[in-house]
Every structure is written in C-alpha cells, then in structure tokens.
C-alpha cells in the first residue's frame, strides 16, 4: 500500500489530500519549501518521500516502522511522518 501511495503522490489531488491530513503548520512549511524550490507541492512531496525511501538509514526506518505499526492507516501515517521530518529542524 505504501508503494501505491508513493507512486501517486505526485498527482496534485493525492498530494492535496495528504496535506489536508497534516498539521496546518507542517502543510504550510511544505508549501513554502516547494515554492522556494520552484516546484509544485505534489512534486516536492513526492520527491521528498522518494528521497527518504531511497536514502534513509536504518535508524530512521526503525523509527518509521515503530510509528507505522501502531497506525490504522500505515501508508498514510508513513507519508505524514516522512513529510513532517522533511520540514522539521533536525
């Protein structure tokens, strides 16, 4: 299921749907980061999630899996968590 959501995340309606599930501050930060990169929010979000999938270290994957296993909607929770991490000060 996560793969399906990731594959569709660059579609504006899918990305908009995910953004509505995020804390408004996080969604706003994603919109600002996308604008600063001269990208649509959908392209920015899809790229950020794909970057995580391809390059995250074992520690981040473990953290993500710990969060996701407690969720009623693991795919959405995974994407929400990744996008939150993208804009968080780490």
N, C-alpha and C. Protein backbone atom coordinates (compact mmCIF):
# COMPACT_ATOMS: atom_id res chain seq x y z
N UNK A 1 0.81 -1.20 0.00
CA UNK A 1 0.00 0.00 0.00
C UNK A 1 0.86 1.27 0.00
N UNK A 2 1.96 1.26 0.76
CA UNK A 2 2.81 2.44 0.79
C UNK A 2 3.34 2.74 -0.60
N UNK A 3 3.72 1.71 -1.33
CA UNK A 3 4.23 1.91 -2.68
C UNK A 3 3.21 2.56 -3.60
N UNK A 4 1.95 2.19 -3.45
CA UNK A 4 0.89 2.78 -4.26
C UNK A 4 0.75 4.26 -3.94
N UNK A 5 0.73 4.59 -2.65
CA UNK A 5 0.60 6.00 -2.26
C UNK A 5 1.79 6.81 -2.74
N UNK A 6 2.98 6.26 -2.61
CA UNK A 6 4.18 6.97 -3.07
C UNK A 6 4.12 7.18 -4.58
N UNK A 7 3.69 6.18 -5.31
CA UNK A 7 3.60 6.28 -6.77
C UNK A 7 2.60 7.34 -7.21
N UNK A 8 1.58 7.58 -6.39
CA UNK A 8 0.53 8.54 -6.75
C UNK A 8 0.73 9.92 -6.13
N UNK A 9 1.73 10.05 -5.28
CA UNK A 9 1.89 11.29 -4.53
C UNK A 9 2.19 12.50 -5.40
N UNK A 10 2.72 12.29 -6.60
CA UNK A 10 2.99 13.43 -7.47
C UNK A 10 1.74 13.92 -8.20
N UNK A 11 0.61 13.25 -7.99
CA UNK A 11 -0.66 13.72 -8.54
C UNK A 11 -1.21 14.80 -7.60
N UNK A 12 -1.54 15.96 -8.14
CA UNK A 12 -1.97 17.07 -7.28
C UNK A 12 -3.11 16.74 -6.33
N UNK A 13 -4.10 15.98 -6.78
CA UNK A 13 -5.22 15.67 -5.90
C UNK A 13 -4.81 14.74 -4.76
N UNK A 14 -3.90 13.82 -5.02
CA UNK A 14 -3.42 12.92 -3.97
C UNK A 14 -2.58 13.70 -2.96
N UNK A 15 -1.66 14.53 -3.46
CA UNK A 15 -0.83 15.34 -2.57
C UNK A 15 -1.68 16.29 -1.73
N UNK A 16 -2.68 16.91 -2.36
CA UNK A 16 -3.57 17.82 -1.62
C UNK A 16 -4.32 17.06 -0.53
N UNK A 17 -4.75 15.85 -0.83
CA UNK A 17 -5.44 15.05 0.17
C UNK A 17 -4.55 14.72 1.35
N UNK A 18 -3.30 14.40 1.08
CA UNK A 18 -2.35 14.12 2.17
C UNK A 18 -2.10 15.38 2.97
N UNK A 19 -1.91 16.52 2.30
CA UNK A 19 -1.64 17.76 3.02
C UNK A 19 -2.79 18.14 3.96
N UNK A 20 -4.01 17.82 3.59
CA UNK A 20 -5.13 18.15 4.47
C UNK A 20 -5.11 17.33 5.75
N UNK A 21 -4.37 16.24 5.76
CA UNK A 21 -4.29 15.40 6.97
C UNK A 21 -3.16 15.83 7.89
N UNK A 22 -2.32 16.74 7.42
CA UNK A 22 -1.18 17.20 8.22
C UNK A 22 -1.56 18.38 9.10
N UNK A 23 -0.78 18.58 10.12
CA UNK A 23 -0.89 19.80 10.93
C UNK A 23 -0.76 20.97 9.96
N UNK A 24 -1.61 21.98 10.06
CA UNK A 24 -1.55 23.12 9.12
C UNK A 24 -0.18 23.79 9.06
N UNK A 25 0.54 23.80 10.16
CA UNK A 25 1.88 24.41 10.14
C UNK A 25 2.83 23.60 9.27
N UNK A 26 2.73 22.28 9.36
CA UNK A 26 3.57 21.41 8.54
C UNK A 26 3.21 21.57 7.07
N UNK A 27 1.92 21.57 6.76
CA UNK A 27 1.46 21.76 5.38
C UNK A 27 1.96 23.09 4.83
N UNK A 28 1.87 24.13 5.63
CA UNK A 28 2.35 25.45 5.21
C UNK A 28 3.85 25.46 4.94
N UNK A 29 4.59 24.78 5.80
CA UNK A 29 6.04 24.71 5.59
C UNK A 29 6.37 23.95 4.30
N UNK A 30 5.63 22.87 4.05
CA UNK A 30 5.84 22.13 2.80
C UNK A 30 5.54 23.01 1.59
N UNK A 31 4.46 23.78 1.67
CA UNK A 31 4.10 24.67 0.57
C UNK A 31 5.19 25.72 0.35
N UNK A 32 5.72 26.27 1.43
CA UNK A 32 6.80 27.27 1.29
C UNK A 32 8.07 26.66 0.73
N UNK A 33 8.42 25.46 1.19
CA UNK A 33 9.62 24.78 0.68
C UNK A 33 9.47 24.46 -0.80
N UNK A 34 8.28 24.03 -1.20
CA UNK A 34 8.03 23.73 -2.61
C UNK A 34 8.16 25.00 -3.44
N UNK A 35 7.57 26.09 -2.97
CA UNK A 35 7.66 27.36 -3.70
C UNK A 35 9.10 27.83 -3.81
N UNK A 36 9.86 27.70 -2.74
CA UNK A 36 11.26 28.12 -2.76
C UNK A 36 12.08 27.29 -3.74
N UNK A 37 11.66 26.06 -3.97
CA UNK A 37 12.35 25.19 -4.92
C UNK A 37 11.74 25.28 -6.32
N UNK A 38 10.78 26.21 -6.50
CA UNK A 38 10.07 26.37 -7.77
C UNK A 38 9.44 25.06 -8.23
N UNK A 39 8.81 24.38 -7.27
CA UNK A 39 8.16 23.11 -7.56
C UNK A 39 6.71 23.16 -7.10
N UNK A 40 5.89 22.30 -7.68
CA UNK A 40 4.54 22.15 -7.14
C UNK A 40 4.66 21.40 -5.82
N UNK A 41 3.66 21.55 -4.98
CA UNK A 41 3.67 20.83 -3.71
C UNK A 41 3.67 19.32 -3.96
N UNK A 42 2.91 18.89 -4.95
CA UNK A 42 2.86 17.46 -5.26
C UNK A 42 4.24 16.92 -5.66
N UNK A 43 4.94 17.63 -6.53
CA UNK A 43 6.27 17.19 -6.95
C UNK A 43 7.26 17.23 -5.79
N UNK A 44 7.18 18.28 -4.98
CA UNK A 44 8.07 18.40 -3.82
C UNK A 44 7.83 17.25 -2.84
N UNK A 45 6.57 17.01 -2.51
CA UNK A 45 6.23 15.95 -1.56
C UNK A 45 6.65 14.58 -2.09
N UNK A 46 6.34 14.32 -3.34
CA UNK A 46 6.70 13.03 -3.94
C UNK A 46 8.22 12.84 -3.94
N UNK A 47 8.93 13.89 -4.30
CA UNK A 47 10.39 13.80 -4.31
C UNK A 47 10.97 13.60 -2.92
N UNK A 48 10.41 14.27 -1.94
CA UNK A 48 10.91 14.13 -0.57
C UNK A 48 10.69 12.72 -0.05
N UNK A 49 9.53 12.17 -0.32
CA UNK A 49 9.23 10.81 0.15
C UNK A 49 10.11 9.80 -0.58
N UNK A 50 10.27 9.97 -1.87
CA UNK A 50 11.12 9.05 -2.63
C UNK A 50 12.58 9.14 -2.17
N UNK A 51 13.02 10.33 -1.87
CA UNK A 51 14.39 10.53 -1.35
C UNK A 51 14.56 9.77 -0.04
N UNK A 52 13.57 9.85 0.83
CA UNK A 52 13.63 9.12 2.10
C UNK A 52 13.71 7.62 1.82
N UNK A 53 12.83 7.11 0.98
CA UNK A 53 12.78 5.67 0.70
C UNK A 53 14.12 5.18 0.16
N UNK A 54 14.75 5.98 -0.68
CA UNK A 54 15.99 5.56 -1.31
C UNK A 54 17.22 5.73 -0.42
N UNK A 55 17.18 6.70 0.53
CA UNK A 55 18.42 7.05 1.23
C UNK A 55 18.36 7.04 2.75
N UNK A 56 17.23 6.76 3.34
CA UNK A 56 17.15 6.79 4.80
C UNK A 56 18.00 5.68 5.41
N UNK A 57 18.61 6.00 6.53
CA UNK A 57 19.41 4.99 7.21
C UNK A 57 18.53 4.07 8.05
N UNK A 58 19.13 3.04 8.58
CA UNK A 58 18.39 2.03 9.34
C UNK A 58 17.68 2.63 10.55
N UNK A 59 18.29 3.60 11.19
CA UNK A 59 17.69 4.21 12.37
C UNK A 59 16.38 4.92 12.02
N UNK A 60 16.37 5.66 10.94
CA UNK A 60 15.14 6.34 10.51
C UNK A 60 14.07 5.33 10.10
N UNK A 61 14.46 4.27 9.41
CA UNK A 61 13.49 3.25 9.04
C UNK A 61 12.90 2.58 10.28
N UNK A 62 13.73 2.32 11.27
CA UNK A 62 13.24 1.71 12.50
C UNK A 62 12.24 2.64 13.20
N UNK A 63 12.59 3.93 13.27
CA UNK A 63 11.66 4.90 13.86
C UNK A 63 10.34 4.93 13.11
N UNK A 64 10.43 4.95 11.78
CA UNK A 64 9.22 4.99 10.97
C UNK A 64 8.37 3.73 11.17
N UNK A 65 8.99 2.59 11.16
CA UNK A 65 8.25 1.34 11.34
C UNK A 65 7.60 1.26 12.72
N UNK A 66 8.27 1.80 13.72
CA UNK A 66 7.69 1.83 15.06
C UNK A 66 6.42 2.68 15.09
N UNK A 67 6.45 3.80 14.40
CA UNK A 67 5.28 4.68 14.34
C UNK A 67 4.16 4.04 13.53
N UNK A 68 4.52 3.48 12.39
CA UNK A 68 3.54 2.94 11.44
C UNK A 68 2.80 1.71 11.98
N UNK A 69 3.48 0.89 12.73
CA UNK A 69 2.84 -0.36 13.19
C UNK A 69 1.69 -0.10 14.15
N UNK A 70 1.61 1.09 14.72
CA UNK A 70 0.54 1.44 15.65
C UNK A 70 -0.62 2.15 14.94
N UNK A 71 -0.54 2.28 13.64
CA UNK A 71 -1.49 3.09 12.89
C UNK A 71 -2.61 2.26 12.27
N UNK A 72 -3.78 2.89 12.16
CA UNK A 72 -4.89 2.28 11.43
C UNK A 72 -4.71 2.39 9.92
N UNK A 73 -3.92 3.38 9.48
CA UNK A 73 -3.64 3.58 8.05
C UNK A 73 -2.12 3.74 7.88
N UNK A 74 -1.40 2.62 7.85
CA UNK A 74 0.06 2.67 7.84
C UNK A 74 0.66 3.47 6.68
N UNK A 75 0.09 3.36 5.49
CA UNK A 75 0.66 4.09 4.35
C UNK A 75 0.56 5.59 4.55
N UNK A 76 -0.61 6.06 4.94
CA UNK A 76 -0.78 7.49 5.17
C UNK A 76 0.10 7.96 6.31
N UNK A 77 0.15 7.19 7.38
CA UNK A 77 0.98 7.56 8.52
C UNK A 77 2.45 7.64 8.13
N UNK A 78 2.91 6.71 7.30
CA UNK A 78 4.31 6.74 6.85
C UNK A 78 4.60 8.02 6.07
N UNK A 79 3.73 8.35 5.14
CA UNK A 79 3.94 9.56 4.34
C UNK A 79 3.84 10.81 5.21
N UNK A 80 2.87 10.86 6.11
CA UNK A 80 2.74 12.00 7.02
C UNK A 80 4.01 12.18 7.84
N UNK A 81 4.53 11.09 8.36
CA UNK A 81 5.74 11.14 9.19
C UNK A 81 6.93 11.61 8.38
N UNK A 82 7.11 11.06 7.21
CA UNK A 82 8.24 11.46 6.37
C UNK A 82 8.15 12.94 6.02
N UNK A 83 6.98 13.41 5.63
CA UNK A 83 6.84 14.83 5.27
C UNK A 83 7.05 15.73 6.48
N UNK A 84 6.63 15.29 7.63
CA UNK A 84 6.89 16.07 8.85
C UNK A 84 8.37 16.14 9.13
N UNK A 85 9.07 15.02 8.97
CA UNK A 85 10.53 15.02 9.15
C UNK A 85 11.22 15.92 8.14
N UNK A 86 10.69 16.02 6.93
CA UNK A 86 11.30 16.84 5.90
C UNK A 86 11.39 18.31 6.34
N UNK A 87 10.36 18.78 6.99
CA UNK A 87 10.33 20.21 7.36
C UNK A 87 10.80 20.46 8.78
N UNK A 88 11.03 19.40 9.55
CA UNK A 88 11.43 19.56 10.95
C UNK A 88 12.90 19.95 11.03
N UNK A 89 13.19 20.74 12.00
CA UNK A 89 14.59 21.06 12.30
C UNK A 89 15.19 19.83 12.98
N UNK A 90 16.18 19.24 12.37
CA UNK A 90 16.79 18.03 12.95
C UNK A 90 18.23 18.31 13.27
